[in-house]
Amino acid sequence: MAYKVLVVDDQFGIRVLLQEVLQREGYEIFQAPNGVTALQIAEQEKPDLILLDMKIPGMDGLEILRNIRKLELDSKVIMMTAYGELDLIHEAMEMGAVAHFTKPFDIDELRRAVRSQLDS
């Protein structure tokens, strides 16, 4: 059975890119453009890994992460940000995020991080 990965980003192009790259790796990919959709998909599909953008209008990445933790899922979370907010990344890591990437990121590095987290 394929690992399930949820990509949460308000930028359509990022979601499509990550879906294409990660589907080639054999993962089942779900996309969410906002926090409400992300939480609905997370609760229904119980993804193994969530790639979560830090800056999303309406409900930011930290709030989404808090709500994901309330669902008591075993999902691993990798944070993504276009900003260098180390304090927010630190807070996300304290809430259980396993890694973070700053956009623009190296797609091969991200693919290796996803594989490493899912294989561990």
PDB file of N, CA and C in Angstrom:
ATOM      1  N   MET A   1       0.838  -1.185   0.000  1.00  0.00           N
ATOM      2  CA  MET A   1       0.000   0.000   0.000  1.00  0.00           C
ATOM      3  C   MET A   1       0.884   1.250   0.000  1.00  0.00           C
ATOM      4  N   ALA A   2       0.540   2.213  -0.804  1.00  0.00           N
ATOM      5  CA  ALA A   2       1.337   3.438  -0.942  1.00  0.00           C
ATOM      6  C   ALA A   2       1.162   4.331   0.277  1.00  0.00           C
ATOM      7  N   TYR A   3       2.248   5.002   0.637  1.00  0.00           N
ATOM      8  CA  TYR A   3       2.155   6.010   1.686  1.00  0.00           C
ATOM      9  C   TYR A   3       1.285   7.161   1.204  1.00  0.00           C
ATOM     10  N   LYS A   4       0.546   7.760   2.136  1.00  0.00           N
ATOM     11  CA  LYS A   4      -0.305   8.906   1.824  1.00  0.00           C
ATOM     12  C   LYS A   4       0.410  10.186   2.254  1.00  0.00           C
ATOM     13  N   VAL A   5       0.451  11.158   1.338  1.00  0.00           N
ATOM     14  CA  VAL A   5       1.085  12.444   1.605  1.00  0.00           C
ATOM     15  C   VAL A   5       0.073  13.549   1.307  1.00  0.00           C
ATOM     16  N   LEU A   6      -0.093  14.453   2.262  1.00  0.00           N
ATOM     17  CA  LEU A   6      -0.963  15.611   2.087  1.00  0.00           C
ATOM     18  C   LEU A   6      -0.092  16.847   1.891  1.00  0.00           C
ATOM     19  N   VAL A   7      -0.309  17.558   0.787  1.00  0.00           N
ATOM     20  CA  VAL A   7       0.421  18.789   0.483  1.00  0.00           C
ATOM     21  C   VAL A   7      -0.523  19.960   0.756  1.00  0.00           C
ATOM     22  N   VAL A   8      -0.136  20.823   1.700  1.00  0.00           N
ATOM     23  CA  VAL A   8      -0.963  21.968   2.075  1.00  0.00           C
ATOM     24  C   VAL A   8      -0.202  23.243   1.727  1.00  0.00           C
ATOM     25  N   ASP A   9      -0.695  23.941   0.714  1.00  0.00           N
ATOM     26  CA  ASP A   9      -0.058  25.179   0.267  1.00  0.00           C
ATOM     27  C   ASP A   9      -1.093  25.992  -0.497  1.00  0.00           C
ATOM     28  N   ASP A  10      -1.124  27.303  -0.288  1.00  0.00           N
ATOM     29  CA  ASP A  10      -2.097  28.130  -1.007  1.00  0.00           C
ATOM     30  C   ASP A  10      -1.661  28.399  -2.442  1.00  0.00           C
ATOM     31  N   GLN A  11      -0.434  28.071  -2.781  1.00  0.00           N
ATOM     32  CA  GLN A  11       0.063  28.273  -4.151  1.00  0.00           C
ATOM     33  C   GLN A  11      -0.178  27.012  -4.982  1.00  0.00           C
ATOM     34  N   PHE A  12      -1.050  27.149  -5.971  1.00  0.00           N
ATOM     35  CA  PHE A  12      -1.428  26.026  -6.829  1.00  0.00           C
ATOM     36  C   PHE A  12      -0.199  25.373  -7.464  1.00  0.00           C
ATOM     37  N   GLY A  13       0.725  26.180  -7.974  1.00  0.00           N
ATOM     38  CA  GLY A  13       1.904  25.655  -8.653  1.00  0.00           C
ATOM     39  C   GLY A  13       2.761  24.769  -7.756  1.00  0.00           C
ATOM     40  N   ILE A  14       2.903  25.148  -6.498  1.00  0.00           N
ATOM     41  CA  ILE A  14       3.680  24.338  -5.537  1.00  0.00           C
ATOM     42  C   ILE A  14       2.979  23.000  -5.307  1.00  0.00           C
ATOM     43  N   ARG A  15       1.658  23.048  -5.128  1.00  0.00           N
ATOM     44  CA  ARG A  15       0.912  21.798  -4.898  1.00  0.00           C
ATOM     45  C   ARG A  15       1.050  20.852  -6.082  1.00  0.00           C
ATOM     46  N   VAL A  16       0.916  21.375  -7.296  1.00  0.00           N
ATOM     47  CA  VAL A  16       1.003  20.536  -8.499  1.00  0.00           C
ATOM     48  C   VAL A  16       2.414  19.974  -8.656  1.00  0.00           C
ATOM     49  N   LEU A  17       3.431  20.811  -8.468  1.00  0.00           N
ATOM     50  CA  LEU A  17       4.815  20.355  -8.566  1.00  0.00           C
ATOM     51  C   LEU A  17       5.085  19.213  -7.590  1.00  0.00           C
ATOM     52  N   LEU A  18       4.714  19.419  -6.334  1.00  0.00           N
ATOM     53  CA  LEU A  18       4.967  18.384  -5.326  1.00  0.00           C
ATOM     54  C   LEU A  18       4.158  17.127  -5.614  1.00  0.00           C
ATOM     55  N   GLN A  19       2.942  17.290  -6.093  1.00  0.00           N
ATOM     56  CA  GLN A  19       2.145  16.115  -6.442  1.00  0.00           C
ATOM     57  C   GLN A  19       2.827  15.315  -7.546  1.00  0.00           C
ATOM     58  N   GLU A  20       3.258  15.989  -8.601  1.00  0.00           N
ATOM     59  CA  GLU A  20       3.902  15.293  -9.716  1.00  0.00           C
ATOM     60  C   GLU A  20       5.175  14.576  -9.277  1.00  0.00           C
ATOM     61  N   VAL A  21       6.009  15.267  -8.520  1.00  0.00           N
ATOM     62  CA  VAL A  21       7.279  14.691  -8.075  1.00  0.00           C
ATOM     63  C   VAL A  21       7.046  13.503  -7.143  1.00  0.00           C
ATOM     64  N   LEU A  22       6.142  13.661  -6.191  1.00  0.00           N
ATOM     65  CA  LEU A  22       5.949  12.611  -5.196  1.00  0.00           C
ATOM     66  C   LEU A  22       5.126  11.439  -5.723  1.00  0.00           C
ATOM     67  N   GLN A  23       4.244  11.680  -6.683  1.00  0.00           N
ATOM     68  CA  GLN A  23       3.524  10.554  -7.294  1.00  0.00           C
ATOM     69  C   GLN A  23       4.492   9.649  -8.047  1.00  0.00           C
ATOM     70  N   ARG A  24       5.516  10.248  -8.665  1.00  0.00           N
ATOM     71  CA  ARG A  24       6.527   9.439  -9.358  1.00  0.00           C
ATOM     72  C   ARG A  24       7.283   8.544  -8.392  1.00  0.00           C
ATOM     73  N   GLU A  25       7.310   8.947  -7.116  1.00  0.00           N
ATOM     74  CA  GLU A  25       7.965   8.134  -6.085  1.00  0.00           C
ATOM     75  C   GLU A  25       7.035   7.028  -5.576  1.00  0.00           C
ATOM     76  N   GLY A  26       5.788   7.040  -6.042  1.00  0.00           N
ATOM     77  CA  GLY A  26       4.851   5.989  -5.662  1.00  0.00           C
ATOM     78  C   GLY A  26       3.921   6.343  -4.520  1.00  0.00           C
ATOM     79  N   TYR A  27       3.916   7.611  -4.090  1.00  0.00           N
ATOM     80  CA  TYR A  27       3.056   8.023  -2.986  1.00  0.00           C
ATOM     81  C   TYR A  27       1.673   8.421  -3.498  1.00  0.00           C
ATOM     82  N   GLU A  28       0.677   8.236  -2.640  1.00  0.00           N
ATOM     83  CA  GLU A  28      -0.670   8.717  -2.929  1.00  0.00           C
ATOM     84  C   GLU A  28      -0.746  10.149  -2.390  1.00  0.00           C
ATOM     85  N   ILE A  29      -1.058  11.105  -3.256  1.00  0.00           N
ATOM     86  CA  ILE A  29      -0.986  12.517  -2.903  1.00  0.00           C
ATOM     87  C   ILE A  29      -2.374  13.140  -2.799  1.00  0.00           C
ATOM     88  N   PHE A  30      -2.550  13.934  -1.752  1.00  0.00           N
ATOM     89  CA  PHE A  30      -3.746  14.739  -1.562  1.00  0.00           C
ATOM     90  C   PHE A  30      -3.299  16.187  -1.487  1.00  0.00           C
ATOM     91  N   GLN A  31      -4.136  17.099  -1.970  1.00  0.00           N
ATOM     92  CA  GLN A  31      -3.804  18.518  -1.966  1.00  0.00           C
ATOM     93  C   GLN A  31      -4.848  19.306  -1.183  1.00  0.00           C
ATOM     94  N   ALA A  32      -4.380  20.344  -0.494  1.00  0.00           N
ATOM     95  CA  ALA A  32      -5.286  21.265   0.188  1.00  0.00           C
ATOM     96  C   ALA A  32      -4.759  22.687   0.030  1.00  0.00           C
ATOM     97  N   PRO A  33      -5.620  23.621  -0.413  1.00  0.00           N
ATOM     98  CA  PRO A  33      -5.202  25.008  -0.592  1.00  0.00           C
ATOM     99  C   PRO A  33      -5.358  25.856   0.674  1.00  0.00           C
ATOM    100  N   ASN A  34      -5.981  25.284   1.726  1.00  0.00           N
ATOM    101  CA  ASN A  34      -6.237  26.057   2.949  1.00  0.00           C
ATOM    102  C   ASN A  34      -6.359  25.121   4.146  1.00  0.00           C
ATOM    103  N   GLY A  35      -6.436  25.725   5.319  1.00  0.00           N
ATOM    104  CA  GLY A  35      -6.466  24.945   6.546  1.00  0.00           C
ATOM    105  C   GLY A  35      -7.709  24.097   6.733  1.00  0.00           C
ATOM    106  N   VAL A  36      -8.872  24.635   6.394  1.00  0.00           N
ATOM    107  CA  VAL A  36     -10.116  23.889   6.565  1.00  0.00           C
ATOM    108  C   VAL A  36     -10.090  22.608   5.732  1.00  0.00           C
ATOM    109  N   THR A  37      -9.716  22.742   4.472  1.00  0.00           N
ATOM    110  CA  THR A  37      -9.632  21.574   3.592  1.00  0.00           C
ATOM    111  C   THR A  37      -8.563  20.603   4.092  1.00  0.00           C
ATOM    112  N   ALA A  38      -7.427  21.135   4.537  1.00  0.00           N
ATOM    113  CA  ALA A  38      -6.346  20.284   5.045  1.00  0.00           C
ATOM    114  C   ALA A  38      -6.817  19.437   6.220  1.00  0.00           C
ATOM    115  N   LEU A  39      -7.540  20.043   7.140  1.00  0.00           N
ATOM    116  CA  LEU A  39      -8.006  19.302   8.310  1.00  0.00           C
ATOM    117  C   LEU A  39      -9.047  18.253   7.933  1.00  0.00           C
ATOM    118  N   GLN A  40      -9.914  18.571   6.983  1.00  0.00           N
ATOM    119  CA  GLN A  40     -10.905  17.596   6.522  1.00  0.00           C
ATOM    120  C   GLN A  40     -10.213  16.393   5.885  1.00  0.00           C
ATOM    121  N   ILE A  41      -9.240  16.663   5.019  1.00  0.00           N
ATOM    122  CA  ILE A  41      -8.520  15.570   4.357  1.00  0.00           C
ATOM    123  C   ILE A  41      -7.713  14.769   5.373  1.00  0.00           C
ATOM    124  N   ALA A  42      -7.057  15.463   6.294  1.00  0.00           N
ATOM    125  CA  ALA A  42      -6.243  14.771   7.304  1.00  0.00           C
ATOM    126  C   ALA A  42      -7.094  13.834   8.146  1.00  0.00           C
ATOM    127  N   GLU A  43      -8.258  14.302   8.551  1.00  0.00           N
ATOM    128  CA  GLU A  43      -9.128  13.466   9.381  1.00  0.00           C
ATOM    129  C   GLU A  43      -9.658  12.269   8.596  1.00  0.00           C
ATOM    130  N   GLN A  44      -9.993  12.481   7.338  1.00  0.00           N
ATOM    131  CA  GLN A  44     -10.568  11.412   6.524  1.00  0.00           C
ATOM    132  C   GLN A  44      -9.508  10.419   6.025  1.00  0.00           C
ATOM    133  N   GLU A  45      -8.379  10.919   5.537  1.00  0.00           N
ATOM    134  CA  GLU A  45      -7.386  10.064   4.875  1.00  0.00           C
ATOM    135  C   GLU A  45      -6.254   9.599   5.789  1.00  0.00           C
ATOM    136  N   LYS A  46      -6.056  10.282   6.912  1.00  0.00           N
ATOM    137  CA  LYS A  46      -4.990   9.948   7.862  1.00  0.00           C
ATOM    138  C   LYS A  46      -3.642   9.781   7.150  1.00  0.00           C
ATOM    139  N   PRO A  47      -3.142  10.881   6.569  1.00  0.00           N
ATOM    140  CA  PRO A  47      -1.894  10.781   5.804  1.00  0.00           C
ATOM    141  C   PRO A  47      -0.709  10.386   6.687  1.00  0.00           C
ATOM    142  N   ASP A  48       0.246   9.732   6.062  1.00  0.00           N
ATOM    143  CA  ASP A  48       1.471   9.351   6.769  1.00  0.00           C
ATOM    144  C   ASP A  48       2.379  10.565   6.956  1.00  0.00           C
ATOM    145  N   LEU A  49       2.297  11.507   6.010  1.00  0.00           N
ATOM    146  CA  LEU A  49       3.161  12.690   6.032  1.00  0.00           C
ATOM    147  C   LEU A  49       2.374  13.883   5.504  1.00  0.00           C
ATOM    148  N   ILE A  50       2.618  15.040   6.114  1.00  0.00           N
ATOM    149  CA  ILE A  50       1.993  16.281   5.671  1.00  0.00           C
ATOM    150  C   ILE A  50       3.089  17.291   5.377  1.00  0.00           C
ATOM    151  N   LEU A  51       3.077  17.823   4.155  1.00  0.00           N
ATOM    152  CA  LEU A  51       3.950  18.937   3.782  1.00  0.00           C
ATOM    153  C   LEU A  51       3.112  20.194   3.966  1.00  0.00           C
ATOM    154  N   LEU A  52       3.490  21.030   4.924  1.00  0.00           N
ATOM    155  CA  LEU A  52       2.630  22.122   5.365  1.00  0.00           C
ATOM    156  C   LEU A  52       3.317  23.474   5.230  1.00  0.00           C
ATOM    157  N   ASP A  53       2.722  24.338   4.418  1.00  0.00           N
ATOM    158  CA  ASP A  53       3.237  25.694   4.250  1.00  0.00           C
ATOM    159  C   ASP A  53       2.949  26.499   5.515  1.00  0.00           C
ATOM    160  N   MET A  54       3.883  27.335   5.882  1.00  0.00           N
ATOM    161  CA  MET A  54       3.741  28.141   7.094  1.00  0.00           C
ATOM    162  C   MET A  54       2.772  29.306   6.896  1.00  0.00           C
ATOM    163  N   LYS A  55       2.792  29.913   5.718  1.00  0.00           N
ATOM    164  CA  LYS A  55       1.985  31.110   5.461  1.00  0.00           C
ATOM    165  C   LYS A  55       0.815  30.783   4.539  1.00  0.00           C
ATOM    166  N   ILE A  56      -0.350  30.593   5.124  1.00  0.00           N
ATOM    167  CA  ILE A  56      -1.562  30.321   4.367  1.00  0.00           C
ATOM    168  C   ILE A  56      -2.630  31.289   4.870  1.00  0.00           C
ATOM    169  N   PRO A  57      -3.279  32.008   3.971  1.00  0.00           N
ATOM    170  CA  PRO A  57      -4.324  32.943   4.403  1.00  0.00           C
ATOM    171  C   PRO A  57      -5.445  32.233   5.176  1.00  0.00           C
ATOM    172  N   GLY A  58      -5.945  32.893   6.183  1.00  0.00           N
ATOM    173  CA  GLY A  58      -7.069  32.362   6.951  1.00  0.00           C
ATOM    174  C   GLY A  58      -6.640  31.580   8.175  1.00  0.00           C
ATOM    175  N   MET A  59      -5.861  30.551   7.973  1.00  0.00           N
ATOM    176  CA  MET A  59      -5.369  29.716   9.070  1.00  0.00           C
ATOM    177  C   MET A  59      -3.919  29.394   8.742  1.00  0.00           C
ATOM    178  N   ASP A  60      -2.990  29.959   9.512  1.00  0.00           N
ATOM    179  CA  ASP A  60      -1.579  29.751   9.170  1.00  0.00           C
ATOM    180  C   ASP A  60      -1.120  28.339   9.534  1.00  0.00           C
ATOM    181  N   GLY A  61       0.091  28.028   9.118  1.00  0.00           N
ATOM    182  CA  GLY A  61       0.628  26.691   9.311  1.00  0.00           C
ATOM    183  C   GLY A  61       0.681  26.232  10.751  1.00  0.00           C
ATOM    184  N   LEU A  62       0.998  27.140  11.671  1.00  0.00           N
ATOM    185  CA  LEU A  62       1.049  26.754  13.084  1.00  0.00           C
ATOM    186  C   LEU A  62      -0.337  26.387  13.602  1.00  0.00           C
ATOM    187  N   GLU A  63      -1.344  27.143  13.200  1.00  0.00           N
ATOM    188  CA  GLU A  63      -2.705  26.840  13.625  1.00  0.00           C
ATOM    189  C   GLU A  63      -3.176  25.515  13.025  1.00  0.00           C
ATOM    190  N   ILE A  64      -2.842  25.285  11.762  1.00  0.00           N
ATOM    191  CA  ILE A  64      -3.184  24.006  11.130  1.00  0.00           C
ATOM    192  C   ILE A  64      -2.487  22.862  11.865  1.00  0.00           C
ATOM    193  N   LEU A  65      -1.205  23.048  12.183  1.00  0.00           N
ATOM    194  CA  LEU A  65      -0.448  22.021  12.898  1.00  0.00           C
ATOM    195  C   LEU A  65      -1.073  21.744  14.272  1.00  0.00           C
ATOM    196  N   ARG A  66      -1.458  22.795  14.999  1.00  0.00           N
ATOM    197  CA  ARG A  66      -2.122  22.603  16.303  1.00  0.00           C
ATOM    198  C   ARG A  66      -3.386  21.753  16.149  1.00  0.00           C
ATOM    199  N   ASN A  67      -4.176  22.062  15.136  1.00  0.00           N
ATOM    200  CA  ASN A  67      -5.421  21.329  14.917  1.00  0.00           C
ATOM    201  C   ASN A  67      -5.173  19.899  14.454  1.00  0.00           C
ATOM    202  N   ILE A  68      -4.130  19.685  13.679  1.00  0.00           N
ATOM    203  CA  ILE A  68      -3.772  18.320  13.276  1.00  0.00           C
ATOM    204  C   ILE A  68      -3.396  17.507  14.506  1.00  0.00           C
ATOM    205  N   ARG A  69      -2.651  18.109  15.415  1.00  0.00           N
ATOM    206  CA  ARG A  69      -2.253  17.397  16.642  1.00  0.00           C
ATOM    207  C   ARG A  69      -3.471  17.051  17.494  1.00  0.00           C
ATOM    208  N   LYS A  70      -4.489  17.913  17.475  1.00  0.00           N
ATOM    209  CA  LYS A  70      -5.721  17.623  18.229  1.00  0.00           C
ATOM    210  C   LYS A  70      -6.453  16.412  17.666  1.00  0.00           C
ATOM    211  N   LEU A  71      -6.268  16.140  16.377  1.00  0.00           N
ATOM    212  CA  LEU A  71      -6.882  14.965  15.763  1.00  0.00           C
ATOM    213  C   LEU A  71      -6.189  13.673  16.191  1.00  0.00           C
ATOM    214  N   GLU A  72      -5.041  13.809  16.847  1.00  0.00           N
ATOM    215  CA  GLU A  72      -4.257  12.675  17.351  1.00  0.00           C
ATOM    216  C   GLU A  72      -3.869  11.704  16.237  1.00  0.00           C
ATOM    217  N   LEU A  73      -3.450  12.275  15.116  1.00  0.00           N
ATOM    218  CA  LEU A  73      -2.967  11.466  13.997  1.00  0.00           C
ATOM    219  C   LEU A  73      -1.487  11.158  14.200  1.00  0.00           C
ATOM    220  N   ASP A  74      -1.022  10.111  13.569  1.00  0.00           N
ATOM    221  CA  ASP A  74       0.396   9.762  13.625  1.00  0.00           C
ATOM    222  C   ASP A  74       1.186  10.405  12.493  1.00  0.00           C
ATOM    223  N   SER A  75       0.564  11.335  11.780  1.00  0.00           N
ATOM    224  CA  SER A  75       1.197  11.966  10.620  1.00  0.00           C
ATOM    225  C   SER A  75       2.463  12.718  11.018  1.00  0.00           C
ATOM    226  N   LYS A  76       3.505  12.513  10.222  1.00  0.00           N
ATOM    227  CA  LYS A  76       4.709  13.323  10.365  1.00  0.00           C
ATOM    228  C   LYS A  76       4.474  14.604   9.568  1.00  0.00           C
ATOM    229  N   VAL A  77       5.055  15.708  10.045  1.00  0.00           N
ATOM    230  CA  VAL A  77       4.829  17.000   9.393  1.00  0.00           C
ATOM    231  C   VAL A  77       6.160  17.648   9.051  1.00  0.00           C
ATOM    232  N   ILE A  78       6.288  18.052   7.783  1.00  0.00           N
ATOM    233  CA  ILE A  78       7.430  18.841   7.326  1.00  0.00           C
ATOM    234  C   ILE A  78       6.889  20.216   6.972  1.00  0.00           C
ATOM    235  N   MET A  79       7.451  21.245   7.606  1.00  0.00           N
ATOM    236  CA  MET A  79       7.009  22.624   7.373  1.00  0.00           C
ATOM    237  C   MET A  79       7.760  23.211   6.185  1.00  0.00           C
ATOM    238  N   MET A  80       7.056  24.083   5.437  1.00  0.00           N
ATOM    239  CA  MET A  80       7.661  24.801   4.314  1.00  0.00           C
ATOM    240  C   MET A  80       7.359  26.282   4.506  1.00  0.00           C
ATOM    241  N   THR A  81       8.331  27.128   4.208  1.00  0.00           N
ATOM    242  CA  THR A  81       8.099  28.558   4.303  1.00  0.00           C
ATOM    243  C   THR A  81       8.943  29.306   3.288  1.00  0.00           C
ATOM    244  N   ALA A  82       8.405  30.397   2.808  1.00  0.00           N
ATOM    245  CA  ALA A  82       9.164  31.277   1.923  1.00  0.00           C
ATOM    246  C   ALA A  82       9.852  32.356   2.741  1.00  0.00           C
ATOM    247  N   TYR A  83       9.688  32.268   3.999  1.00  0.00           N
ATOM    248  CA  TYR A  83      10.197  33.291   4.908  1.00  0.00           C
ATOM    249  C   TYR A  83      11.189  32.655   5.875  1.00  0.00           C
ATOM    250  N   GLY A  84      12.079  33.450   6.399  1.00  0.00           N
ATOM    251  CA  GLY A  84      13.090  32.932   7.311  1.00  0.00           C
ATOM    252  C   GLY A  84      12.722  33.116   8.763  1.00  0.00           C
ATOM    253  N   GLU A  85      11.466  32.910   9.113  1.00  0.00           N
ATOM    254  CA  GLU A  85      11.019  33.126  10.494  1.00  0.00           C
ATOM    255  C   GLU A  85      11.448  31.981  11.391  1.00  0.00           C
ATOM    256  N   LEU A  86      12.622  32.113  11.933  1.00  0.00           N
ATOM    257  CA  LEU A  86      13.172  31.040  12.754  1.00  0.00           C
ATOM    258  C   LEU A  86      12.342  30.786  13.999  1.00  0.00           C
ATOM    259  N   ASP A  87      11.734  31.832  14.565  1.00  0.00           N
ATOM    260  CA  ASP A  87      10.920  31.634  15.761  1.00  0.00           C
ATOM    261  C   ASP A  87       9.692  30.778  15.455  1.00  0.00           C
ATOM    262  N   LEU A  88       9.078  30.975  14.288  1.00  0.00           N
ATOM    263  CA  LEU A  88       7.918  30.174  13.916  1.00  0.00           C
ATOM    264  C   LEU A  88       8.319  28.733  13.613  1.00  0.00           C
ATOM    265  N   ILE A  89       9.446  28.559  12.938  1.00  0.00           N
ATOM    266  CA  ILE A  89       9.952  27.207  12.659  1.00  0.00           C
ATOM    267  C   ILE A  89      10.256  26.493  13.970  1.00  0.00           C
ATOM    268  N   HIS A  90      10.893  27.204  14.895  1.00  0.00           N
ATOM    269  CA  HIS A  90      11.208  26.623  16.207  1.00  0.00           C
ATOM    270  C   HIS A  90       9.924  26.182  16.911  1.00  0.00           C
ATOM    271  N   GLU A  91       8.897  27.022  16.875  1.00  0.00           N
ATOM    272  CA  GLU A  91       7.623  26.680  17.503  1.00  0.00           C
ATOM    273  C   GLU A  91       7.004  25.446  16.837  1.00  0.00           C
ATOM    274  N   ALA A  92       7.065  25.381  15.512  1.00  0.00           N
ATOM    275  CA  ALA A  92       6.530  24.222  14.788  1.00  0.00           C
ATOM    276  C   ALA A  92       7.280  22.949  15.179  1.00  0.00           C
ATOM    277  N   MET A  93       8.588  23.043  15.317  1.00  0.00           N
ATOM    278  CA  MET A  93       9.378  21.878  15.702  1.00  0.00           C
ATOM    279  C   MET A  93       9.014  21.439  17.128  1.00  0.00           C
ATOM    280  N   GLU A  94       8.752  22.392  18.008  1.00  0.00           N
ATOM    281  CA  GLU A  94       8.327  22.045  19.367  1.00  0.00           C
ATOM    282  C   GLU A  94       6.969  21.343  19.366  1.00  0.00           C
ATOM    283  N   MET A  95       6.138  21.639  18.365  1.00  0.00           N
ATOM    284  CA  MET A  95       4.819  20.997  18.257  1.00  0.00           C
ATOM    285  C   MET A  95       4.895  19.673  17.504  1.00  0.00           C
ATOM    286  N   GLY A  96       6.093  19.255  17.147  1.00  0.00           N
ATOM    287  CA  GLY A  96       6.246  17.937  16.561  1.00  0.00           C
ATOM    288  C   GLY A  96       6.580  17.882  15.087  1.00  0.00           C
ATOM    289  N   ALA A  97       6.752  19.019  14.431  1.00  0.00           N
ATOM    290  CA  ALA A  97       7.206  18.968  13.039  1.00  0.00           C
ATOM    291  C   ALA A  97       8.569  18.289  13.015  1.00  0.00           C
ATOM    292  N   VAL A  98       8.819  17.478  12.001  1.00  0.00           N
ATOM    293  CA  VAL A  98      10.055  16.696  11.960  1.00  0.00           C
ATOM    294  C   VAL A  98      11.162  17.354  11.144  1.00  0.00           C
ATOM    295  N   ALA A  99      10.786  18.330  10.299  1.00  0.00           N
ATOM    296  CA  ALA A  99      11.773  19.016   9.466  1.00  0.00           C
ATOM    297  C   ALA A  99      11.135  20.280   8.906  1.00  0.00           C
ATOM    298  N   HIS A 100      11.976  21.105   8.263  1.00  0.00           N
ATOM    299  CA  HIS A 100      11.445  22.298   7.585  1.00  0.00           C
ATOM    300  C   HIS A 100      12.305  22.621   6.370  1.00  0.00           C
ATOM    301  N   PHE A 101      11.675  23.280   5.400  1.00  0.00           N
ATOM    302  CA  PHE A 101      12.346  23.720   4.190  1.00  0.00           C
ATOM    303  C   PHE A 101      11.973  25.161   3.923  1.00  0.00           C
ATOM    304  N   THR A 102      12.942  25.926   3.432  1.00  0.00           N
ATOM    305  CA  THR A 102      12.693  27.303   3.029  1.00  0.00           C
ATOM    306  C   THR A 102      12.572  27.334   1.512  1.00  0.00           C
ATOM    307  N   LYS A 103      11.492  27.976   1.044  1.00  0.00           N
ATOM    308  CA  LYS A 103      11.287  28.128  -0.404  1.00  0.00           C
ATOM    309  C   LYS A 103      12.187  29.241  -0.916  1.00  0.00           C
ATOM    310  N   PRO A 104      12.707  29.125  -2.112  1.00  0.00           N
ATOM    311  CA  PRO A 104      12.594  27.941  -2.969  1.00  0.00           C
ATOM    312  C   PRO A 104      13.499  26.830  -2.440  1.00  0.00           C
ATOM    313  N   PHE A 105      12.995  25.621  -2.448  1.00  0.00           N
ATOM    314  CA  PHE A 105      13.755  24.490  -1.929  1.00  0.00           C
ATOM    315  C   PHE A 105      14.263  23.638  -3.080  1.00  0.00           C
ATOM    316  N   ASP A 106      15.267  22.849  -2.781  1.00  0.00           N
ATOM    317  CA  ASP A 106      15.804  21.888  -3.733  1.00  0.00           C
ATOM    318  C   ASP A 106      14.864  20.690  -3.755  1.00  0.00           C
ATOM    319  N   ILE A 107      14.244  20.421  -4.881  1.00  0.00           N
ATOM    320  CA  ILE A 107      13.223  19.380  -4.972  1.00  0.00           C
ATOM    321  C   ILE A 107      13.795  18.000  -4.665  1.00  0.00           C
ATOM    322  N   ASP A 108      15.047  17.747  -5.045  1.00  0.00           N
ATOM    323  CA  ASP A 108      15.661  16.450  -4.730  1.00  0.00           C
ATOM    324  C   ASP A 108      15.895  16.303  -3.231  1.00  0.00           C
ATOM    325  N   GLU A 109      16.284  17.398  -2.590  1.00  0.00           N
ATOM    326  CA  GLU A 109      16.488  17.373  -1.136  1.00  0.00           C
ATOM    327  C   GLU A 109      15.154  17.118  -0.420  1.00  0.00           C
ATOM    328  N   LEU A 110      14.108  17.760  -0.889  1.00  0.00           N
ATOM    329  CA  LEU A 110      12.787  17.554  -0.299  1.00  0.00           C
ATOM    330  C   LEU A 110      12.326  16.112  -0.515  1.00  0.00           C
ATOM    331  N   ARG A 111      12.529  15.592  -1.709  1.00  0.00           N
ATOM    332  CA  ARG A 111      12.137  14.212  -2.015  1.00  0.00           C
ATOM    333  C   ARG A 111      12.884  13.234  -1.093  1.00  0.00           C
ATOM    334  N   ARG A 112      14.177  13.473  -0.881  1.00  0.00           N
ATOM    335  CA  ARG A 112      14.958  12.605   0.026  1.00  0.00           C
ATOM    336  C   ARG A 112      14.438  12.708   1.463  1.00  0.00           C
ATOM    337  N   ALA A 113      14.081  13.922   1.895  1.00  0.00           N
ATOM    338  CA  ALA A 113      13.556  14.107   3.260  1.00  0.00           C
ATOM    339  C   ALA A 113      12.225  13.376   3.435  1.00  0.00           C
ATOM    340  N   VAL A 114      11.365  13.451   2.425  1.00  0.00           N
ATOM    341  CA  VAL A 114      10.084  12.744   2.489  1.00  0.00           C
ATOM    342  C   VAL A 114      10.338  11.245   2.589  1.00  0.00           C
ATOM    343  N   ARG A 115      11.180  10.721   1.723  1.00  0.00           N
ATOM    344  CA  ARG A 115      11.493   9.293   1.729  1.00  0.00           C
ATOM    345  C   ARG A 115      12.084   8.875   3.080  1.00  0.00           C
ATOM    346  N   SER A 116      12.993   9.682   3.590  1.00  0.00           N
ATOM    347  CA  SER A 116      13.626   9.369   4.872  1.00  0.00           C
ATOM    348  C   SER A 116      12.604   9.317   6.002  1.00  0.00           C
ATOM    349  N   GLN A 117      11.701  10.269   6.036  1.00  0.00           N
ATOM    350  CA  GLN A 117      10.687  10.289   7.098  1.00  0.00           C
ATOM    351  C   GLN A 117       9.717   9.125   6.975  1.00  0.00           C
ATOM    352  N   LEU A 118       9.337   8.775   5.770  1.00  0.00           N
ATOM    353  CA  LEU A 118       8.382   7.689   5.588  1.00  0.00           C
ATOM    354  C   LEU A 118       9.019   6.323   5.790  1.00  0.00           C
ATOM    355  N   ASP A 119      10.307   6.217   5.537  1.00  0.00           N
ATOM    356  CA  ASP A 119      10.996   4.941   5.709  1.00  0.00           C
ATOM    357  C   ASP A 119      11.457   4.700   7.143  1.00  0.00           C
ATOM    358  N   SER A 120      11.369   5.727   7.983  1.00  0.00           N
ATOM    359  CA  SER A 120      11.872   5.571   9.360  1.00  0.00           C
ATOM    360  C   SER A 120      10.793   5.061  10.300  1.00  0.00           C
TER     361      SER A 120
END
